[in-house]
Amino acid sequence: MRTLLTGMASFVLGAGLFGPPPVHAHAFLDHAEPRVGATIAAPPAAVILTFTEPVEANFCRVDLHDEHGQPVAAAGLEHPQPTELRLPLPTLSPGTYAVHWAVLSVDTHQTEGRFEFTVSAP
């Protein structure tokens, strides 16, 4: 009986340690360039967002607004990698910019978020 219990305990522990990797239920922002909350010296050529799982580019949106809430005219949204979106930018003036993103992951879950970065004066 003791051998059976020890064997069952080993199986349960082993299954927990070596089971399948966790599955993300949503595409959350993993990291961004410029980084969330960063102050950068030179204007970025693009905002690049990397998510925790692949996104459906046709159903994603990334907007940029200046510190007065005015939209910044940017080129079309690019999708260079399954988990990445890239928004090419015009030359930005010094100031604080807000990025708002909304994505649909390949498993059809929607997420959205917002962050800011600052371009410092030269």
Foldseek 3Di string as FASTA:
>chain_A
DVVVVVVVVVVVVCCVVPPDDDDDPFWDFPAKVVGFAEEAAFFDQKIKTFTPAFFDVVAKDKWKAFPVRHTFDWDDWDDPDRRMIIIGHDGDAWGKMKIKMWTAGPVGDIDIDMGMYTHHHD
